[in-house]
Amino acid sequence: MKKFTIICLILLMNLIFTLGCFAETVVYNTKTGKFHSPSCQWANKCTVNCIKIDRKEAVQRGGIPCKVCGGGK
């Protein structure tokens, strides 16, 4: 029983770590509401009103993806 519990704990920790790796960071312009992939040319030019946040949060804020990069699709 003890081995089973340890194995389950290890599998659960691996699952949590794996899900955390899939969180996608985007560059969100708080003024325009557009978000970009970090490698997008427009993300690199955005310095004043841009913050790095999770893509899901950018969408929740009403953000729309960049027409050039698709917002990191």
Protein backbone atom coordinates (compact mmCIF):
# COMPACT_ATOMS: atom_id res chain seq x y z
CA MET A 1 0.00 0.00 0.00
CA LYS A 2 2.85 2.36 0.81
CA LYS A 3 4.48 1.80 -2.61
CA PHE A 4 1.15 2.42 -4.33
CA THR A 5 0.71 5.72 -2.50
CA ILE A 6 4.23 6.86 -3.42
CA ILE A 7 3.72 5.92 -7.08
CA CYS A 8 0.40 7.80 -7.19
CA LEU A 9 2.04 10.84 -5.60
CA ILE A 10 4.85 10.82 -8.16
CA LEU A 11 2.39 10.48 -11.05
CA LEU A 12 0.29 13.34 -9.69
CA MET A 13 3.34 15.59 -9.36
CA ASN A 14 4.37 14.77 -12.95
CA LEU A 15 0.87 15.60 -14.18
CA ILE A 16 0.85 18.97 -12.40
CA PHE A 17 4.28 19.82 -13.79
CA THR A 18 3.27 18.80 -17.32
CA LEU A 19 0.09 20.88 -17.25
CA GLY A 20 2.05 23.88 -16.01
CA CYS A 21 4.38 23.61 -19.01
CA PHE A 22 1.46 24.06 -21.40
CA ALA A 23 0.56 27.48 -20.06
CA GLU A 24 1.28 29.81 -22.95
CA THR A 25 2.70 33.25 -22.29
CA VAL A 26 1.75 36.06 -24.65
CA VAL A 27 2.56 39.75 -24.86
CA TYR A 28 -0.67 41.64 -24.15
CA ASN A 29 -1.13 45.30 -25.07
CA THR A 30 -3.29 46.81 -22.32
CA LYS A 31 -4.18 49.81 -24.50
CA THR A 32 -5.25 48.07 -27.72
CA GLY A 33 -6.32 44.71 -26.26
CA LYS A 34 -4.27 42.77 -28.81
CA PHE A 35 -1.92 39.99 -27.81
CA HIS A 36 1.10 38.57 -29.57
CA SER A 37 3.40 35.59 -29.50
CA PRO A 38 6.63 36.60 -27.71
CA SER A 39 8.51 36.06 -30.98
CA CYS A 40 6.17 38.29 -33.03
CA GLN A 41 7.70 41.38 -34.64
CA TRP A 42 4.93 43.53 -33.12
CA ALA A 43 5.50 42.14 -29.64
CA ASN A 44 9.14 43.19 -29.90
CA LYS A 45 8.07 46.73 -30.84
CA CYS A 46 5.55 47.02 -28.01
CA THR A 47 7.35 48.47 -25.01
CA VAL A 48 5.03 50.95 -23.28
CA ASN A 49 1.64 49.29 -22.74
CA CYS A 50 2.60 45.62 -22.99
CA ILE A 51 2.73 42.99 -20.28
CA LYS A 52 3.50 39.28 -20.38
CA ILE A 53 0.55 37.20 -19.23
CA ASP A 54 -0.98 33.80 -19.88
CA ARG A 55 -2.92 33.54 -23.16
CA LYS A 56 -6.02 32.40 -21.27
CA GLU A 57 -5.93 35.53 -19.13
CA ALA A 58 -5.48 37.73 -22.21
CA VAL A 59 -8.65 36.22 -23.71
CA GLN A 60 -10.51 36.67 -20.40
CA ARG A 61 -9.58 40.36 -20.49
CA GLY A 62 -11.25 40.61 -23.89
CA GLY A 63 -8.00 40.50 -25.85
CA ILE A 64 -7.87 39.61 -29.52
CA PRO A 65 -5.02 37.78 -31.24
CA CYS A 66 -2.59 39.60 -33.52
CA LYS A 67 -3.39 39.28 -37.23
CA VAL A 68 0.26 38.60 -38.03
CA CYS A 69 1.19 35.90 -35.51
CA GLY A 70 -2.26 34.76 -34.38
CA GLY A 71 -1.41 35.49 -30.76
CA GLY A 72 0.76 32.41 -30.39
CA LYS A 73 -1.66 29.78 -31.69
